[in-house]
C-alpha atoms as a PDB file:
ATOM      1  CA  UNK A   1     113.798 129.159  49.530  1.00  0.00           C
ATOM      2  CA  UNK A   2     110.321 129.673  48.026  1.00  0.00           C
ATOM      3  CA  UNK A   3     109.888 125.900  47.797  1.00  0.00           C
ATOM      4  CA  UNK A   4     110.559 125.574  51.516  1.00  0.00           C
ATOM      5  CA  UNK A   5     108.130 128.402  52.207  1.00  0.00           C
ATOM      6  CA  UNK A   6     105.430 126.634  50.184  1.00  0.00           C
ATOM      7  CA  UNK A   7     106.144 123.420  52.085  1.00  0.00           C
ATOM      8  CA  UNK A   8     106.000 125.246  55.422  1.00  0.00           C
ATOM      9  CA  UNK A   9     102.773 127.051  54.577  1.00  0.00           C
ATOM     10  CA  UNK A  10     101.154 123.752  53.557  1.00  0.00           C
ATOM     11  CA  UNK A  11     102.169 122.086  56.824  1.00  0.00           C
ATOM     12  CA  UNK A  12     100.982 125.056  58.897  1.00  0.00           C
ATOM     13  CA  UNK A  13      97.706 125.297  56.957  1.00  0.00           C
ATOM     14  CA  UNK A  14      97.020 121.585  57.389  1.00  0.00           C
ATOM     15  CA  UNK A  15      97.776 121.696  61.125  1.00  0.00           C
ATOM     16  CA  UNK A  16      95.669 124.836  61.581  1.00  0.00           C
ATOM     17  CA  UNK A  17      92.767 123.217  59.737  1.00  0.00           C
ATOM     18  CA  UNK A  18      93.158 119.989  61.717  1.00  0.00           C
ATOM     19  CA  UNK A  19      93.128 121.760  65.075  1.00  0.00           C
ATOM     20  CA  UNK A  20      90.119 123.943  64.244  1.00  0.00           C
ATOM     21  CA  UNK A  21      88.234 121.013  62.688  1.00  0.00           C
ATOM     22  CA  UNK A  22      88.938 118.806  65.692  1.00  0.00           C
ATOM     23  CA  UNK A  23      87.913 121.526  68.155  1.00  0.00           C
ATOM     24  CA  UNK A  24      84.438 121.239  66.662  1.00  0.00           C
ATOM     25  CA  UNK A  25      84.277 117.483  66.214  1.00  0.00           C
ATOM     26  CA  UNK A  26      85.692 116.745  69.683  1.00  0.00           C
ATOM     27  CA  UNK A  27      82.773 118.664  71.127  1.00  0.00           C
ATOM     28  CA  UNK A  28      80.254 116.913  68.910  1.00  0.00           C
ATOM     29  CA  UNK A  29      81.381 113.405  69.880  1.00  0.00           C
ATOM     30  CA  UNK A  30      84.277 112.954  72.285  1.00  0.00           C
ATOM     31  CA  UNK A  31      84.127 109.184  71.752  1.00  0.00           C
ATOM     32  CA  UNK A  32      85.398 109.668  68.224  1.00  0.00           C
ATOM     33  CA  UNK A  33      88.724 110.613  69.840  1.00  0.00           C
ATOM     34  CA  UNK A  34      88.631 108.467  72.992  1.00  0.00           C
ATOM     35  CA  UNK A  35      87.394 105.173  71.477  1.00  0.00           C
ATOM     36  CA  UNK A  36      88.224 105.368  67.778  1.00  0.00           C
ATOM     37  CA  UNK A  37      91.787 106.676  68.323  1.00  0.00           C
ATOM     38  CA  UNK A  38      94.586 105.503  70.607  1.00  0.00           C
ATOM     39  CA  UNK A  39      95.250 107.681  73.673  1.00  0.00           C
ATOM     40  CA  UNK A  40      97.840 110.415  73.154  1.00  0.00           C
ATOM     41  CA  UNK A  41      97.515 112.323  76.444  1.00  0.00           C
ATOM     42  CA  UNK A  42      96.939 109.429  78.806  1.00  0.00           C
ATOM     43  CA  UNK A  43      93.251 108.932  79.408  1.00  0.00           C
ATOM     44  CA  UNK A  44      92.270 112.590  79.151  1.00  0.00           C
ATOM     45  CA  UNK A  45      88.676 113.477  78.430  1.00  0.00           C
ATOM     46  CA  UNK A  46      89.531 117.066  77.542  1.00  0.00           C
ATOM     47  CA  UNK A  47      88.097 117.876  74.115  1.00  0.00           C
ATOM     48  CA  UNK A  48      90.523 120.792  73.821  1.00  0.00           C
ATOM     49  CA  UNK A  49      93.633 118.673  74.438  1.00  0.00           C
ATOM     50  CA  UNK A  50      92.416 115.824  72.251  1.00  0.00           C
ATOM     51  CA  UNK A  51      91.528 118.201  69.414  1.00  0.00           C
ATOM     52  CA  UNK A  52      94.883 119.927  69.658  1.00  0.00           C
ATOM     53  CA  UNK A  53      96.845 116.674  69.796  1.00  0.00           C
ATOM     54  CA  UNK A  54      95.002 114.888  67.019  1.00  0.00           C
ATOM     55  CA  UNK A  55      94.711 118.092  65.010  1.00  0.00           C
ATOM     56  CA  UNK A  56      98.506 118.146  64.823  1.00  0.00           C
ATOM     57  CA  UNK A  57      99.247 114.406  64.622  1.00  0.00           C
ATOM     58  CA  UNK A  58      96.682 113.622  61.947  1.00  0.00           C
ATOM     59  CA  UNK A  59      97.468 116.518  59.625  1.00  0.00           C
ATOM     60  CA  UNK A  60     101.114 117.618  59.645  1.00  0.00           C
ATOM     61  CA  UNK A  61     102.114 114.757  57.342  1.00  0.00           C
ATOM     62  CA  UNK A  62      99.241 115.520  54.950  1.00  0.00           C
ATOM     63  CA  UNK A  63     100.464 119.104  54.730  1.00  0.00           C
ATOM     64  CA  UNK A  64     104.001 117.845  54.167  1.00  0.00           C
ATOM     65  CA  UNK A  65     102.947 115.625  51.265  1.00  0.00           C
ATOM     66  CA  UNK A  66     100.869 118.396  49.702  1.00  0.00           C
ATOM     67  CA  UNK A  67     103.681 120.869  50.250  1.00  0.00           C
ATOM     68  CA  UNK A  68     106.202 118.689  48.441  1.00  0.00           C
ATOM     69  CA  UNK A  69     103.971 118.172  45.418  1.00  0.00           C
ATOM     70  CA  UNK A  70     102.741 121.768  45.347  1.00  0.00           C
ATOM     71  CA  UNK A  71     106.306 123.104  45.576  1.00  0.00           C
ATOM     72  CA  UNK A  72     107.264 120.883  42.632  1.00  0.00           C
ATOM     73  CA  UNK A  73     104.226 121.985  40.620  1.00  0.00           C
ATOM     74  CA  UNK A  74     104.895 125.648  41.443  1.00  0.00           C
ATOM     75  CA  UNK A  75     108.670 125.781  41.118  1.00  0.00           C
ATOM     76  CA  UNK A  76     110.298 122.872  39.244  1.00  0.00           C
ATOM     77  CA  UNK A  77     111.583 123.221  35.717  1.00  0.00           C
ATOM     78  CA  UNK A  78     112.087 126.179  33.443  1.00  0.00           C
ATOM     79  CA  UNK A  79     108.534 127.590  33.428  1.00  0.00           C
ATOM     80  CA  UNK A  80     107.895 130.857  35.278  1.00  0.00           C
ATOM     81  CA  UNK A  81     107.891 130.065  38.965  1.00  0.00           C
ATOM     82  CA  UNK A  82     105.146 130.707  41.493  1.00  0.00           C
ATOM     83  CA  UNK A  83     105.913 132.115  44.918  1.00  0.00           C
ATOM     84  CA  UNK A  84     104.257 131.310  48.201  1.00  0.00           C
ATOM     85  CA  UNK A  85     102.150 134.465  47.694  1.00  0.00           C
ATOM     86  CA  UNK A  86     100.845 132.987  44.439  1.00  0.00           C
ATOM     87  CA  UNK A  87      99.739 129.689  46.002  1.00  0.00           C
ATOM     88  CA  UNK A  88      98.434 131.024  49.329  1.00  0.00           C
ATOM     89  CA  UNK A  89      95.002 132.053  47.954  1.00  0.00           C
ATOM     90  CA  UNK A  90      94.614 128.580  46.429  1.00  0.00           C
ATOM     91  CA  UNK A  91      95.445 126.952  49.770  1.00  0.00           C
ATOM     92  CA  UNK A  92      92.922 129.167  51.577  1.00  0.00           C
ATOM     93  CA  UNK A  93      90.213 128.226  49.069  1.00  0.00           C
ATOM     94  CA  UNK A  94      91.005 124.545  49.509  1.00  0.00           C
ATOM     95  CA  UNK A  95      90.652 124.838  53.301  1.00  0.00           C
ATOM     96  CA  UNK A  96      87.304 126.584  52.879  1.00  0.00           C
ATOM     97  CA  UNK A  97      86.079 123.899  50.465  1.00  0.00           C
ATOM     98  CA  UNK A  98      87.247 121.203  52.876  1.00  0.00           C
ATOM     99  CA  UNK A  99      85.358 122.867  55.734  1.00  0.00           C
ATOM    100  CA  UNK A 100      82.158 123.046  53.684  1.00  0.00           C
ATOM    101  CA  UNK A 101      82.538 119.387  52.693  1.00  0.00           C
ATOM    102  CA  UNK A 102      83.075 118.454  56.353  1.00  0.00           C
ATOM    103  CA  UNK A 103      79.965 120.321  57.520  1.00  0.00           C
ATOM    104  CA  UNK A 104      77.738 118.929  54.765  1.00  0.00           C
ATOM    105  CA  UNK A 105      79.069 115.392  55.223  1.00  0.00           C
ATOM    106  CA  UNK A 106      78.862 115.643  59.003  1.00  0.00           C
ATOM    107  CA  UNK A 107      75.200 116.620  58.746  1.00  0.00           C
ATOM    108  CA  UNK A 108      74.563 113.784  56.288  1.00  0.00           C
ATOM    109  CA  UNK A 109      76.341 111.371  58.623  1.00  0.00           C
ATOM    110  CA  UNK A 110      74.234 112.545  61.543  1.00  0.00           C
ATOM    111  CA  UNK A 111      70.923 112.167  59.725  1.00  0.00           C
ATOM    112  CA  UNK A 112      71.616 109.140  57.516  1.00  0.00           C
ATOM    113  CA  UNK A 113      74.857 107.550  58.647  1.00  0.00           C
ATOM    114  CA  UNK A 114      75.831 104.929  61.164  1.00  0.00           C
ATOM    115  CA  UNK A 115      79.100 104.210  62.931  1.00  0.00           C
ATOM    116  CA  UNK A 116      81.072 101.076  62.063  1.00  0.00           C
ATOM    117  CA  UNK A 117      79.504  98.044  63.706  1.00  0.00           C
ATOM    118  CA  UNK A 118      82.659  97.152  65.631  1.00  0.00           C
ATOM    119  CA  UNK A 119      82.580 100.618  67.271  1.00  0.00           C
ATOM    120  CA  UNK A 120      78.856 100.707  68.089  1.00  0.00           C
ATOM    121  CA  UNK A 121      79.211  98.375  71.069  1.00  0.00           C
ATOM    122  CA  UNK A 122      81.603 100.831  72.758  1.00  0.00           C
ATOM    123  CA  UNK A 123      79.434 103.920  72.347  1.00  0.00           C
ATOM    124  CA  UNK A 124      77.145 105.284  75.024  1.00  0.00           C
ATOM    125  CA  UNK A 125      73.449 105.156  74.138  1.00  0.00           C
ATOM    126  CA  UNK A 126      72.454 108.156  72.066  1.00  0.00           C
ATOM    127  CA  UNK A 127      75.926 108.875  70.686  1.00  0.00           C
ATOM    128  CA  UNK A 128      75.775 106.710  67.559  1.00  0.00           C
ATOM    129  CA  UNK A 129      74.534 109.532  65.318  1.00  0.00           C
ATOM    130  CA  UNK A 130      77.029 111.984  66.792  1.00  0.00           C
ATOM    131  CA  UNK A 131      79.839 109.522  66.155  1.00  0.00           C
ATOM    132  CA  UNK A 132      78.632 109.041  62.566  1.00  0.00           C
ATOM    133  CA  UNK A 133      78.615 112.824  62.105  1.00  0.00           C
ATOM    134  CA  UNK A 134      82.240 113.053  63.237  1.00  0.00           C
ATOM    135  CA  UNK A 135      83.306 110.047  61.186  1.00  0.00           C
ATOM    136  CA  UNK A 136      81.704 111.404  58.019  1.00  0.00           C
ATOM    137  CA  UNK A 137      83.078 114.924  58.624  1.00  0.00           C
ATOM    138  CA  UNK A 138      86.612 113.604  59.067  1.00  0.00           C
ATOM    139  CA  UNK A 139      86.331 111.325  56.049  1.00  0.00           C
ATOM    140  CA  UNK A 140      85.072 114.233  53.944  1.00  0.00           C
ATOM    141  CA  UNK A 141      87.951 116.442  55.062  1.00  0.00           C
ATOM    142  CA  UNK A 142      90.524 113.855  54.067  1.00  0.00           C
ATOM    143  CA  UNK A 143      88.809 113.029  50.771  1.00  0.00           C
ATOM    144  CA  UNK A 144      88.276 116.643  49.738  1.00  0.00           C
ATOM    145  CA  UNK A 145      91.797 117.521  50.879  1.00  0.00           C
ATOM    146  CA  UNK A 146      93.270 114.708  48.808  1.00  0.00           C
ATOM    147  CA  UNK A 147      91.286 115.551  45.675  1.00  0.00           C
ATOM    148  CA  UNK A 148      91.715 119.274  46.278  1.00  0.00           C
ATOM    149  CA  UNK A 149      95.451 118.848  46.771  1.00  0.00           C
ATOM    150  CA  UNK A 150      95.745 117.200  43.380  1.00  0.00           C
ATOM    151  CA  UNK A 151      93.659 120.001  41.877  1.00  0.00           C
ATOM    152  CA  UNK A 152      95.899 122.589  43.558  1.00  0.00           C
ATOM    153  CA  UNK A 153      98.988 121.094  41.943  1.00  0.00           C
ATOM    154  CA  UNK A 154      97.307 121.056  38.531  1.00  0.00           C
ATOM    155  CA  UNK A 155      96.099 124.639  38.952  1.00  0.00           C
ATOM    156  CA  UNK A 156      99.548 125.803  40.035  1.00  0.00           C
ATOM    157  CA  UNK A 157     101.140 124.217  36.988  1.00  0.00           C
ATOM    158  CA  UNK A 158      98.480 125.690  34.688  1.00  0.00           C
ATOM    159  CA  UNK A 159      99.073 129.115  36.211  1.00  0.00           C
ATOM    160  CA  UNK A 160     102.742 128.764  35.332  1.00  0.00           C
ATOM    161  CA  UNK A 161     101.819 127.868  31.746  1.00  0.00           C
ATOM    162  CA  UNK A 162      99.533 130.919  31.525  1.00  0.00           C
ATOM    163  CA  UNK A 163     102.444 133.159  32.453  1.00  0.00           C
ATOM    164  CA  UNK A 164     104.175 132.028  29.268  1.00  0.00           C
ATOM    165  CA  UNK A 165     101.450 133.510  27.101  1.00  0.00           C
ATOM    166  CA  UNK A 166     102.229 136.968  25.741  1.00  0.00           C
ATOM    167  CA  UNK A 167     100.192 139.808  27.221  1.00  0.00           C
ATOM    168  CA  UNK A 168      98.051 141.485  24.518  1.00  0.00           C
ATOM    169  CA  UNK A 169      98.805 145.167  23.820  1.00  0.00           C
END
């Protein structure tokens, strides 16, 4: 049951992060969602709907993958097992780190980045830097989430190993 809870928490955390992240980026550059992504709600121009839809669609599966591996790292085998309460603080820290990476990368993308050339022709004048900010922020979230997810699994396993050590008197 704890493994399923860890899986569920990872999916919910990923979806929550995706929705919040996209609420910001959809307001920075709507074209990131209307040009760079296929339509999911018809031809809506609502940043709220697009952020909600893509926040769910683009992240639930990432949370599922992380949840599977984290549940294995936290529960499989004969080592002392971690509960969802044990891994929740690690998940929260990862989301915070991802958010910081997204903000820093988004700013870097705005000031020094450029959108892909095949997208530039479809952007309104003056939105190229905003698009680059969104693109870099999203890329940073995925990259830091991927690397951080691996780190989370390693940390969970190490925490289990530490519980084997005798407590000094």
